[in-house]
């Protein structure tokens, strides 16, 4: 039996007779295999040591990331509570004249949808509904900034156009620098009418048998530094006003179809004789059954003029 036969065999032979030359070959083959094993063993030992070090570093990074995540979550929870605290409560005077229901929900802990109640210098009530571009902390900070700008102007004029123009003028450079803008619906309630400014927001008014829609030709806050336009609509006893951001109409189902402005307006019109809180609930229930998932902040405000 030759050396090759021995090495090719599946089991060691009972006996074999190798020449001196074959034994020398066998010796060097064995030494070569031994060296290869030693090198392979050294490689895997080094690899295992490196992997152990890498895993230890990963564990350390995981602990650091977990700590950082917990700090961020705590900060977001505080920010969410602060933003919730900034949301308004309608005054007794305002609820004496208006039946009001508002649904407001941010997509994340904090967000850019924002609504507020105001009292003008002449005593009129007003409501503003805004949608800052984007989501999260940056949008929430811009929201807080704009809230302060609007609040600082309430004692200066009764004109919604003058107020929105002033906010846009004073905020334009800042909003450009942070690459943000905001839709705006600013509505002032007079004796038998409303005066409003609409820059990208959604507004519908049911006046008797008429369905009136807000003029939407103006730009967003922070998008252009030019004047807004003020519009007037009748608003008498029993009239219904709906204001909302794009979160509901642009929500999509599994077929990627939009919920649509037409659908929400039709639903509000269909149930216009119901209490405003019930109308809001019906809209949210219909939207929730339609949409595949929430993808944006949502604000929906419905107000009815009460009897004097």
C-alpha atoms as a PDB file:
ATOM      1  CA  UNK A   1       0.000   0.000   0.000  1.00  0.00           C
ATOM      2  CA  UNK A   2       1.442   3.329  -1.067  1.00  0.00           C
ATOM      3  CA  UNK A   3       1.424   6.550   0.947  1.00  0.00           C
ATOM      4  CA  UNK A   4      -1.287   7.940  -1.323  1.00  0.00           C
ATOM      5  CA  UNK A   5      -3.432   4.860  -0.673  1.00  0.00           C
ATOM      6  CA  UNK A   6      -2.975   5.335   3.065  1.00  0.00           C
ATOM      7  CA  UNK A   7      -3.909   9.039   2.951  1.00  0.00           C
ATOM      8  CA  UNK A   8      -6.874   8.406   0.631  1.00  0.00           C
ATOM      9  CA  UNK A   9      -8.299   5.605   2.755  1.00  0.00           C
ATOM     10  CA  UNK A  10     -11.471   6.216   4.778  1.00  0.00           C
ATOM     11  CA  UNK A  11     -10.103   4.184   7.702  1.00  0.00           C
ATOM     12  CA  UNK A  12      -6.548   3.364   8.770  1.00  0.00           C
ATOM     13  CA  UNK A  13      -5.380   0.029   7.263  1.00  0.00           C
ATOM     14  CA  UNK A  14      -4.646  -2.910   9.543  1.00  0.00           C
ATOM     15  CA  UNK A  15      -1.072  -2.895   8.277  1.00  0.00           C
ATOM     16  CA  UNK A  16       0.960  -1.162   5.646  1.00  0.00           C
ATOM     17  CA  UNK A  17       4.499  -1.196   4.398  1.00  0.00           C
ATOM     18  CA  UNK A  18       5.933   2.173   3.354  1.00  0.00           C
ATOM     19  CA  UNK A  19       9.319   2.859   1.887  1.00  0.00           C
ATOM     20  CA  UNK A  20      11.762   5.252   3.494  1.00  0.00           C
ATOM     21  CA  UNK A  21      11.010   7.806   0.802  1.00  0.00           C
ATOM     22  CA  UNK A  22       7.278   7.560   1.500  1.00  0.00           C
ATOM     23  CA  UNK A  23       7.865   7.920   5.246  1.00  0.00           C
ATOM     24  CA  UNK A  24       9.839  11.116   4.570  1.00  0.00           C
ATOM     25  CA  UNK A  25       6.933  12.409   2.449  1.00  0.00           C
ATOM     26  CA  UNK A  26       4.518  11.474   5.205  1.00  0.00           C
ATOM     27  CA  UNK A  27       6.655  13.271   7.787  1.00  0.00           C
ATOM     28  CA  UNK A  28       6.763  16.518   5.807  1.00  0.00           C
ATOM     29  CA  UNK A  29       3.077  16.317   4.976  1.00  0.00           C
ATOM     30  CA  UNK A  30       2.308  15.891   8.644  1.00  0.00           C
ATOM     31  CA  UNK A  31       4.565  18.860   9.527  1.00  0.00           C
ATOM     32  CA  UNK A  32       2.862  20.974   6.876  1.00  0.00           C
ATOM     33  CA  UNK A  33      -0.584  20.073   8.189  1.00  0.00           C
ATOM     34  CA  UNK A  34       0.565  20.746  11.735  1.00  0.00           C
ATOM     35  CA  UNK A  35       1.806  24.198  10.765  1.00  0.00           C
ATOM     36  CA  UNK A  36      -1.459  24.965   8.949  1.00  0.00           C
ATOM     37  CA  UNK A  37      -3.412  23.892  12.034  1.00  0.00           C
ATOM     38  CA  UNK A  38      -1.264  26.067  14.268  1.00  0.00           C
ATOM     39  CA  UNK A  39      -1.762  29.085  12.020  1.00  0.00           C
ATOM     40  CA  UNK A  40      -5.505  28.449  11.755  1.00  0.00           C
ATOM     41  CA  UNK A  41      -5.761  27.984  15.512  1.00  0.00           C
ATOM     42  CA  UNK A  42      -3.817  31.214  16.136  1.00  0.00           C
ATOM     43  CA  UNK A  43      -6.072  33.056  13.653  1.00  0.00           C
ATOM     44  CA  UNK A  44      -9.277  31.868  15.305  1.00  0.00           C
ATOM     45  CA  UNK A  45      -7.947  32.598  18.780  1.00  0.00           C
ATOM     46  CA  UNK A  46      -7.101  36.138  17.672  1.00  0.00           C
ATOM     47  CA  UNK A  47     -10.480  36.450  15.945  1.00  0.00           C
ATOM     48  CA  UNK A  48     -12.307  35.273  19.070  1.00  0.00           C
ATOM     49  CA  UNK A  49     -10.338  37.718  21.176  1.00  0.00           C
ATOM     50  CA  UNK A  50     -11.188  40.543  18.776  1.00  0.00           C
ATOM     51  CA  UNK A  51     -14.841  39.514  18.729  1.00  0.00           C
ATOM     52  CA  UNK A  52     -14.911  39.437  22.514  1.00  0.00           C
ATOM     53  CA  UNK A  53     -13.453  42.955  22.618  1.00  0.00           C
ATOM     54  CA  UNK A  54     -15.910  44.108  19.944  1.00  0.00           C
ATOM     55  CA  UNK A  55     -18.877  42.635  21.829  1.00  0.00           C
ATOM     56  CA  UNK A  56     -17.716  44.296  25.034  1.00  0.00           C
ATOM     57  CA  UNK A  57     -17.529  47.634  23.198  1.00  0.00           C
ATOM     58  CA  UNK A  58     -20.961  47.031  21.649  1.00  0.00           C
ATOM     59  CA  UNK A  59     -22.400  46.298  25.080  1.00  0.00           C
ATOM     60  CA  UNK A  60     -20.891  49.522  26.357  1.00  0.00           C
ATOM     61  CA  UNK A  61     -22.321  51.459  23.383  1.00  0.00           C
ATOM     62  CA  UNK A  62     -25.709  49.812  23.908  1.00  0.00           C
ATOM     63  CA  UNK A  63     -25.700  50.986  27.510  1.00  0.00           C
ATOM     64  CA  UNK A  64     -24.715  54.489  26.413  1.00  0.00           C
ATOM     65  CA  UNK A  65     -27.424  54.528  23.721  1.00  0.00           C
ATOM     66  CA  UNK A  66     -30.021  53.235  26.167  1.00  0.00           C
ATOM     67  CA  UNK A  67     -29.091  55.969  28.610  1.00  0.00           C
ATOM     68  CA  UNK A  68     -29.220  58.618  25.854  1.00  0.00           C
ATOM     69  CA  UNK A  69     -32.580  57.240  24.646  1.00  0.00           C
ATOM     70  CA  UNK A  70     -33.996  57.401  28.183  1.00  0.00           C
ATOM     71  CA  UNK A  71     -32.814  61.002  28.544  1.00  0.00           C
ATOM     72  CA  UNK A  72     -34.394  61.911  25.186  1.00  0.00           C
ATOM     73  CA  UNK A  73     -37.662  60.181  26.135  1.00  0.00           C
ATOM     74  CA  UNK A  74     -37.756  62.032  29.453  1.00  0.00           C
ATOM     75  CA  UNK A  75     -37.145  65.327  27.622  1.00  0.00           C
ATOM     76  CA  UNK A  76     -39.872  64.511  25.081  1.00  0.00           C
ATOM     77  CA  UNK A  77     -42.322  63.664  27.855  1.00  0.00           C
ATOM     78  CA  UNK A  78     -41.607  67.004  29.509  1.00  0.00           C
ATOM     79  CA  UNK A  79     -41.908  68.762  26.120  1.00  0.00           C
ATOM     80  CA  UNK A  80     -45.217  66.996  25.492  1.00  0.00           C
ATOM     81  CA  UNK A  81     -46.571  68.133  28.862  1.00  0.00           C
ATOM     82  CA  UNK A  82     -45.399  71.682  28.178  1.00  0.00           C
ATOM     83  CA  UNK A  83     -47.024  71.691  24.731  1.00  0.00           C
ATOM     84  CA  UNK A  84     -50.256  70.297  26.188  1.00  0.00           C
ATOM     85  CA  UNK A  85     -50.186  73.037  28.825  1.00  0.00           C
ATOM     86  CA  UNK A  86     -49.932  75.633  26.032  1.00  0.00           C
ATOM     87  CA  UNK A  87     -53.196  74.443  24.464  1.00  0.00           C
ATOM     88  CA  UNK A  88     -55.996  76.882  25.262  1.00  0.00           C
ATOM     89  CA  UNK A  89     -59.263  76.605  27.152  1.00  0.00           C
ATOM     90  CA  UNK A  90     -62.116  78.707  25.814  1.00  0.00           C
ATOM     91  CA  UNK A  91     -63.192  81.499  28.118  1.00  0.00           C
ATOM     92  CA  UNK A  92     -66.642  81.621  29.714  1.00  0.00           C
ATOM     93  CA  UNK A  93     -67.468  84.630  27.531  1.00  0.00           C
ATOM     94  CA  UNK A  94     -66.508  82.723  24.383  1.00  0.00           C
ATOM     95  CA  UNK A  95     -68.550  79.624  25.273  1.00  0.00           C
ATOM     96  CA  UNK A  96     -71.513  81.853  26.088  1.00  0.00           C
ATOM     97  CA  UNK A  97     -71.606  82.919  22.436  1.00  0.00           C
ATOM     98  CA  UNK A  98     -70.242  79.792  20.732  1.00  0.00           C
ATOM     99  CA  UNK A  99     -70.705  76.038  21.016  1.00  0.00           C
ATOM    100  CA  UNK A 100     -67.156  74.715  20.592  1.00  0.00           C
ATOM    101  CA  UNK A 101     -65.594  71.270  20.101  1.00  0.00           C
ATOM    102  CA  UNK A 102     -61.949  70.691  19.171  1.00  0.00           C
ATOM    103  CA  UNK A 103     -59.998  67.488  18.545  1.00  0.00           C
ATOM    104  CA  UNK A 104     -56.232  67.964  18.595  1.00  0.00           C
ATOM    105  CA  UNK A 105     -53.632  65.190  18.427  1.00  0.00           C
ATOM    106  CA  UNK A 106     -49.938  65.201  17.597  1.00  0.00           C
ATOM    107  CA  UNK A 107     -48.460  62.333  15.587  1.00  0.00           C
ATOM    108  CA  UNK A 108     -45.447  62.088  17.935  1.00  0.00           C
ATOM    109  CA  UNK A 109     -44.886  63.277  21.512  1.00  0.00           C
ATOM    110  CA  UNK A 110     -44.751  66.844  20.200  1.00  0.00           C
ATOM    111  CA  UNK A 111     -45.721  68.300  16.864  1.00  0.00           C
ATOM    112  CA  UNK A 112     -46.614  71.274  14.716  1.00  0.00           C
ATOM    113  CA  UNK A 113     -50.406  71.484  14.697  1.00  0.00           C
ATOM    114  CA  UNK A 114     -51.570  74.332  16.908  1.00  0.00           C
ATOM    115  CA  UNK A 115     -54.804  76.098  17.731  1.00  0.00           C
ATOM    116  CA  UNK A 116     -55.507  78.996  20.038  1.00  0.00           C
ATOM    117  CA  UNK A 117     -58.269  81.272  21.273  1.00  0.00           C
ATOM    118  CA  UNK A 118     -57.751  85.019  21.358  1.00  0.00           C
ATOM    119  CA  UNK A 119     -59.481  88.131  22.619  1.00  0.00           C
ATOM    120  CA  UNK A 120     -58.999  91.155  20.391  1.00  0.00           C
ATOM    121  CA  UNK A 121     -58.423  94.690  21.630  1.00  0.00           C
ATOM    122  CA  UNK A 122     -62.083  95.537  20.930  1.00  0.00           C
ATOM    123  CA  UNK A 123     -63.326  92.546  22.935  1.00  0.00           C
ATOM    124  CA  UNK A 124     -64.131  90.242  20.000  1.00  0.00           C
ATOM    125  CA  UNK A 125     -63.339  86.552  20.282  1.00  0.00           C
ATOM    126  CA  UNK A 126     -61.024  84.899  17.760  1.00  0.00           C
ATOM    127  CA  UNK A 127     -59.642  81.466  16.953  1.00  0.00           C
ATOM    128  CA  UNK A 128     -56.499  80.502  15.096  1.00  0.00           C
ATOM    129  CA  UNK A 129     -55.642  77.104  13.593  1.00  0.00           C
ATOM    130  CA  UNK A 130     -52.103  76.533  12.348  1.00  0.00           C
ATOM    131  CA  UNK A 131     -50.029  73.720  10.885  1.00  0.00           C
ATOM    132  CA  UNK A 132     -46.235  74.074  11.001  1.00  0.00           C
ATOM    133  CA  UNK A 133     -44.374  72.109   8.338  1.00  0.00           C
ATOM    134  CA  UNK A 134     -42.758  68.885   9.530  1.00  0.00           C
ATOM    135  CA  UNK A 135     -43.222  67.035  12.791  1.00  0.00           C
ATOM    136  CA  UNK A 136     -41.547  66.593  16.125  1.00  0.00           C
ATOM    137  CA  UNK A 137     -39.463  68.931  18.250  1.00  0.00           C
ATOM    138  CA  UNK A 138     -38.500  71.479  15.564  1.00  0.00           C
ATOM    139  CA  UNK A 139     -42.136  72.004  14.539  1.00  0.00           C
ATOM    140  CA  UNK A 140     -43.168  72.270  18.212  1.00  0.00           C
ATOM    141  CA  UNK A 141     -40.535  74.947  18.877  1.00  0.00           C
ATOM    142  CA  UNK A 142     -41.705  76.958  15.861  1.00  0.00           C
ATOM    143  CA  UNK A 143     -45.279  76.562  17.119  1.00  0.00           C
ATOM    144  CA  UNK A 144     -44.287  78.061  20.482  1.00  0.00           C
ATOM    145  CA  UNK A 145     -42.491  80.899  18.718  1.00  0.00           C
ATOM    146  CA  UNK A 146     -45.550  81.749  16.585  1.00  0.00           C
ATOM    147  CA  UNK A 147     -47.885  81.516  19.569  1.00  0.00           C
ATOM    148  CA  UNK A 148     -45.848  84.186  21.357  1.00  0.00           C
ATOM    149  CA  UNK A 149     -45.876  86.372  18.222  1.00  0.00           C
ATOM    150  CA  UNK A 150     -49.672  86.235  17.921  1.00  0.00           C
ATOM    151  CA  UNK A 151     -50.306  86.755  21.625  1.00  0.00           C
ATOM    152  CA  UNK A 152     -48.094  89.846  21.599  1.00  0.00           C
ATOM    153  CA  UNK A 153     -50.308  91.541  19.001  1.00  0.00           C
ATOM    154  CA  UNK A 154     -53.787  91.004  20.420  1.00  0.00           C
ATOM    155  CA  UNK A 155     -53.923  94.378  22.162  1.00  0.00           C
ATOM    156  CA  UNK A 156     -52.804  96.341  19.103  1.00  0.00           C
ATOM    157  CA  UNK A 157     -55.624  95.910  16.553  1.00  0.00           C
ATOM    158  CA  UNK A 158     -58.937  94.216  15.747  1.00  0.00           C
ATOM    159  CA  UNK A 159     -57.923  93.368  12.185  1.00  0.00           C
ATOM    160  CA  UNK A 160     -56.988  89.730  11.472  1.00  0.00           C
ATOM    161  CA  UNK A 161     -55.149  90.862   8.339  1.00  0.00           C
ATOM    162  CA  UNK A 162     -53.028  93.359  10.270  1.00  0.00           C
ATOM    163  CA  UNK A 163     -52.140  90.739  12.873  1.00  0.00           C
ATOM    164  CA  UNK A 164     -51.239  88.009  10.381  1.00  0.00           C
ATOM    165  CA  UNK A 165     -49.260  90.487   8.273  1.00  0.00           C
ATOM    166  CA  UNK A 166     -47.326  91.614  11.348  1.00  0.00           C
ATOM    167  CA  UNK A 167     -46.556  88.043  12.436  1.00  0.00           C
ATOM    168  CA  UNK A 168     -45.426  87.095   8.941  1.00  0.00           C
ATOM    169  CA  UNK A 169     -43.259  90.203   8.613  1.00  0.00           C
ATOM    170  CA  UNK A 170     -41.545  89.739  11.998  1.00  0.00           C
ATOM    171  CA  UNK A 171     -41.128  85.962  11.583  1.00  0.00           C
ATOM    172  CA  UNK A 172     -40.212  85.742   7.916  1.00  0.00           C
ATOM    173  CA  UNK A 173     -36.413  85.826   8.248  1.00  0.00           C
ATOM    174  CA  UNK A 174     -36.451  83.361  11.156  1.00  0.00           C
ATOM    175  CA  UNK A 175     -38.770  80.891   9.412  1.00  0.00           C
ATOM    176  CA  UNK A 176     -36.637  81.045   6.276  1.00  0.00           C
ATOM    177  CA  UNK A 177     -33.490  80.367   8.301  1.00  0.00           C
ATOM    178  CA  UNK A 178     -34.976  77.245   9.922  1.00  0.00           C
ATOM    179  CA  UNK A 179     -36.704  76.211   6.659  1.00  0.00           C
ATOM    180  CA  UNK A 180     -40.167  76.154   8.186  1.00  0.00           C
ATOM    181  CA  UNK A 181     -43.533  77.609   7.224  1.00  0.00           C
ATOM    182  CA  UNK A 182     -47.054  77.383   8.617  1.00  0.00           C
ATOM    183  CA  UNK A 183     -50.600  77.335   7.311  1.00  0.00           C
ATOM    184  CA  UNK A 184     -52.914  79.792   9.032  1.00  0.00           C
ATOM    185  CA  UNK A 185     -56.629  80.227   9.581  1.00  0.00           C
ATOM    186  CA  UNK A 186     -57.268  83.266  11.773  1.00  0.00           C
ATOM    187  CA  UNK A 187     -60.949  84.033  12.423  1.00  0.00           C
ATOM    188  CA  UNK A 188     -62.475  86.967  14.333  1.00  0.00           C
ATOM    189  CA  UNK A 189     -66.131  86.689  15.422  1.00  0.00           C
ATOM    190  CA  UNK A 190     -68.217  89.838  15.009  1.00  0.00           C
ATOM    191  CA  UNK A 191     -71.924  90.416  15.725  1.00  0.00           C
ATOM    192  CA  UNK A 192     -73.371  88.648  12.647  1.00  0.00           C
ATOM    193  CA  UNK A 193     -70.273  87.804  10.635  1.00  0.00           C
ATOM    194  CA  UNK A 194     -66.726  86.564  10.747  1.00  0.00           C
ATOM    195  CA  UNK A 195     -63.596  88.212   9.394  1.00  0.00           C
ATOM    196  CA  UNK A 196     -60.822  85.832   8.499  1.00  0.00           C
ATOM    197  CA  UNK A 197     -57.400  85.367   6.950  1.00  0.00           C
ATOM    198  CA  UNK A 198     -56.655  82.015   5.315  1.00  0.00           C
ATOM    199  CA  UNK A 199     -53.179  80.998   4.247  1.00  0.00           C
ATOM    200  CA  UNK A 200     -53.330  77.320   3.348  1.00  0.00           C
ATOM    201  CA  UNK A 201     -55.770  76.209   6.040  1.00  0.00           C
ATOM    202  CA  UNK A 202     -59.168  74.572   5.546  1.00  0.00           C
ATOM    203  CA  UNK A 203     -62.396  76.336   6.491  1.00  0.00           C
ATOM    204  CA  UNK A 204     -66.072  75.664   5.744  1.00  0.00           C
ATOM    205  CA  UNK A 205     -69.115  77.587   6.983  1.00  0.00           C
ATOM    206  CA  UNK A 206     -72.703  76.331   6.839  1.00  0.00           C
ATOM    207  CA  UNK A 207     -74.954  79.397   6.659  1.00  0.00           C
ATOM    208  CA  UNK A 208     -78.577  78.361   6.363  1.00  0.00           C
ATOM    209  CA  UNK A 209     -78.742  76.291   3.178  1.00  0.00           C
ATOM    210  CA  UNK A 210     -75.421  77.627   1.915  1.00  0.00           C
ATOM    211  CA  UNK A 211     -72.056  75.870   2.130  1.00  0.00           C
ATOM    212  CA  UNK A 212     -69.373  78.555   2.062  1.00  0.00           C
ATOM    213  CA  UNK A 213     -65.655  77.805   1.786  1.00  0.00           C
ATOM    214  CA  UNK A 214     -62.718  79.931   2.845  1.00  0.00           C
ATOM    215  CA  UNK A 215     -60.749  81.707   0.140  1.00  0.00           C
ATOM    216  CA  UNK A 216     -57.370  79.930  -0.023  1.00  0.00           C
ATOM    217  CA  UNK A 217     -55.438  82.154  -2.403  1.00  0.00           C
ATOM    218  CA  UNK A 218     -53.000  83.489   0.193  1.00  0.00           C
ATOM    219  CA  UNK A 219     -49.584  82.013   0.931  1.00  0.00           C
ATOM    220  CA  UNK A 220     -48.360  80.280   4.088  1.00  0.00           C
ATOM    221  CA  UNK A 221     -46.709  82.088   6.980  1.00  0.00           C
ATOM    222  CA  UNK A 222     -42.974  82.288   6.269  1.00  0.00           C
ATOM    223  CA  UNK A 223     -43.330  81.407   2.582  1.00  0.00           C
ATOM    224  CA  UNK A 224     -43.559  84.899   1.087  1.00  0.00           C
ATOM    225  CA  UNK A 225     -43.086  88.312   2.607  1.00  0.00           C
ATOM    226  CA  UNK A 226     -46.150  89.996   1.138  1.00  0.00           C
ATOM    227  CA  UNK A 227     -49.542  91.070   2.532  1.00  0.00           C
ATOM    228  CA  UNK A 228     -52.430  88.698   3.251  1.00  0.00           C
ATOM    229  CA  UNK A 229     -56.082  89.360   2.375  1.00  0.00           C
ATOM    230  CA  UNK A 230     -58.995  89.694   4.779  1.00  0.00           C
ATOM    231  CA  UNK A 231     -62.367  88.151   3.907  1.00  0.00           C
ATOM    232  CA  UNK A 232     -65.850  88.353   5.412  1.00  0.00           C
ATOM    233  CA  UNK A 233     -68.629  85.766   5.699  1.00  0.00           C
ATOM    234  CA  UNK A 234     -72.043  85.898   7.415  1.00  0.00           C
ATOM    235  CA  UNK A 235     -72.215  84.079  10.752  1.00  0.00           C
ATOM    236  CA  UNK A 236     -75.567  84.178  12.518  1.00  0.00           C
ATOM    237  CA  UNK A 237     -77.472  82.087  15.042  1.00  0.00           C
ATOM    238  CA  UNK A 238     -77.272  78.364  14.181  1.00  0.00           C
ATOM    239  CA  UNK A 239     -74.451  78.740  11.634  1.00  0.00           C
ATOM    240  CA  UNK A 240     -71.678  76.155  11.799  1.00  0.00           C
ATOM    241  CA  UNK A 241     -67.974  76.800  11.237  1.00  0.00           C
ATOM    242  CA  UNK A 242     -65.434  73.986  10.657  1.00  0.00           C
ATOM    243  CA  UNK A 243     -61.670  74.574  10.683  1.00  0.00           C
ATOM    244  CA  UNK A 244     -59.092  71.824  10.232  1.00  0.00           C
ATOM    245  CA  UNK A 245     -55.549  71.030   9.166  1.00  0.00           C
ATOM    246  CA  UNK A 246     -54.557  68.562   6.447  1.00  0.00           C
ATOM    247  CA  UNK A 247     -54.096  65.580   8.762  1.00  0.00           C
ATOM    248  CA  UNK A 248     -57.599  64.178   8.173  1.00  0.00           C
ATOM    249  CA  UNK A 249     -58.241  64.975   4.461  1.00  0.00           C
ATOM    250  CA  UNK A 250     -54.787  63.722   3.426  1.00  0.00           C
ATOM    251  CA  UNK A 251     -55.018  60.487   5.445  1.00  0.00           C
ATOM    252  CA  UNK A 252     -54.901  57.432   3.180  1.00  0.00           C
ATOM    253  CA  UNK A 253     -56.414  53.955   3.202  1.00  0.00           C
ATOM    254  CA  UNK A 254     -54.669  50.732   2.176  1.00  0.00           C
ATOM    255  CA  UNK A 255     -55.412  51.511  -1.482  1.00  0.00           C
ATOM    256  CA  UNK A 256     -53.492  54.822  -1.130  1.00  0.00           C
ATOM    257  CA  UNK A 257     -56.701  56.840  -1.604  1.00  0.00           C
ATOM    258  CA  UNK A 258     -57.051  60.162   0.248  1.00  0.00           C
ATOM    259  CA  UNK A 259     -59.820  60.620   2.797  1.00  0.00           C
ATOM    260  CA  UNK A 260     -60.391  63.988   1.029  1.00  0.00           C
ATOM    261  CA  UNK A 261     -61.784  67.411   1.846  1.00  0.00           C
ATOM    262  CA  UNK A 262     -65.033  66.486   0.088  1.00  0.00           C
ATOM    263  CA  UNK A 263     -65.634  63.536   2.436  1.00  0.00           C
ATOM    264  CA  UNK A 264     -65.107  65.437   5.690  1.00  0.00           C
ATOM    265  CA  UNK A 265     -67.172  68.421   4.493  1.00  0.00           C
ATOM    266  CA  UNK A 266     -69.998  66.130   3.388  1.00  0.00           C
ATOM    267  CA  UNK A 267     -69.994  64.381   6.763  1.00  0.00           C
ATOM    268  CA  UNK A 268     -70.097  67.687   8.649  1.00  0.00           C
ATOM    269  CA  UNK A 269     -72.928  68.910   6.421  1.00  0.00           C
ATOM    270  CA  UNK A 270     -74.861  65.645   6.893  1.00  0.00           C
ATOM    271  CA  UNK A 271     -74.762  65.945  10.694  1.00  0.00           C
ATOM    272  CA  UNK A 272     -74.881  69.732  10.995  1.00  0.00           C
ATOM    273  CA  UNK A 273     -77.971  69.628  13.244  1.00  0.00           C
ATOM    274  CA  UNK A 274     -76.172  67.571  15.917  1.00  0.00           C
ATOM    275  CA  UNK A 275     -74.169  68.979  18.860  1.00  0.00           C
ATOM    276  CA  UNK A 276     -70.693  70.032  17.724  1.00  0.00           C
ATOM    277  CA  UNK A 277     -68.951  67.508  20.008  1.00  0.00           C
ATOM    278  CA  UNK A 278     -70.968  64.725  18.399  1.00  0.00           C
ATOM    279  CA  UNK A 279     -70.082  65.979  14.901  1.00  0.00           C
ATOM    280  CA  UNK A 280     -66.391  65.873  15.800  1.00  0.00           C
ATOM    281  CA  UNK A 281     -66.762  62.325  17.133  1.00  0.00           C
ATOM    282  CA  UNK A 282     -68.573  61.194  13.978  1.00  0.00           C
ATOM    283  CA  UNK A 283     -65.822  62.668  11.790  1.00  0.00           C
ATOM    284  CA  UNK A 284     -63.076  60.987  13.799  1.00  0.00           C
ATOM    285  CA  UNK A 285     -64.872  57.645  13.801  1.00  0.00           C
ATOM    286  CA  UNK A 286     -65.334  57.747  10.020  1.00  0.00           C
ATOM    287  CA  UNK A 287     -61.711  58.801   9.477  1.00  0.00           C
ATOM    288  CA  UNK A 288     -60.385  56.105  11.847  1.00  0.00           C
ATOM    289  CA  UNK A 289     -62.257  53.377   9.968  1.00  0.00           C
ATOM    290  CA  UNK A 290     -60.986  54.716   6.626  1.00  0.00           C
ATOM    291  CA  UNK A 291     -57.295  55.384   7.157  1.00  0.00           C
ATOM    292  CA  UNK A 292     -54.618  52.678   7.164  1.00  0.00           C
ATOM    293  CA  UNK A 293     -52.482  54.528   9.720  1.00  0.00           C
ATOM    294  CA  UNK A 294     -51.964  58.019  11.062  1.00  0.00           C
ATOM    295  CA  UNK A 295     -49.285  59.947   9.183  1.00  0.00           C
ATOM    296  CA  UNK A 296     -49.754  63.538  10.362  1.00  0.00           C
ATOM    297  CA  UNK A 297     -50.857  65.746  13.235  1.00  0.00           C
ATOM    298  CA  UNK A 298     -54.618  66.341  13.368  1.00  0.00           C
ATOM    299  CA  UNK A 299     -56.650  69.362  14.417  1.00  0.00           C
ATOM    300  CA  UNK A 300     -60.407  69.644  13.845  1.00  0.00           C
ATOM    301  CA  UNK A 301     -62.442  72.515  15.341  1.00  0.00           C
ATOM    302  CA  UNK A 302     -66.203  72.909  14.930  1.00  0.00           C
ATOM    303  CA  UNK A 303     -68.057  75.952  16.279  1.00  0.00           C
ATOM    304  CA  UNK A 304     -71.747  76.940  16.210  1.00  0.00           C
ATOM    305  CA  UNK A 305     -73.182  80.417  16.833  1.00  0.00           C
ATOM    306  CA  UNK A 306     -75.530  80.235  19.829  1.00  0.00           C
ATOM    307  CA  UNK A 307     -78.722  82.157  20.384  1.00  0.00           C
ATOM    308  CA  UNK A 308     -78.083  85.584  21.916  1.00  0.00           C
END
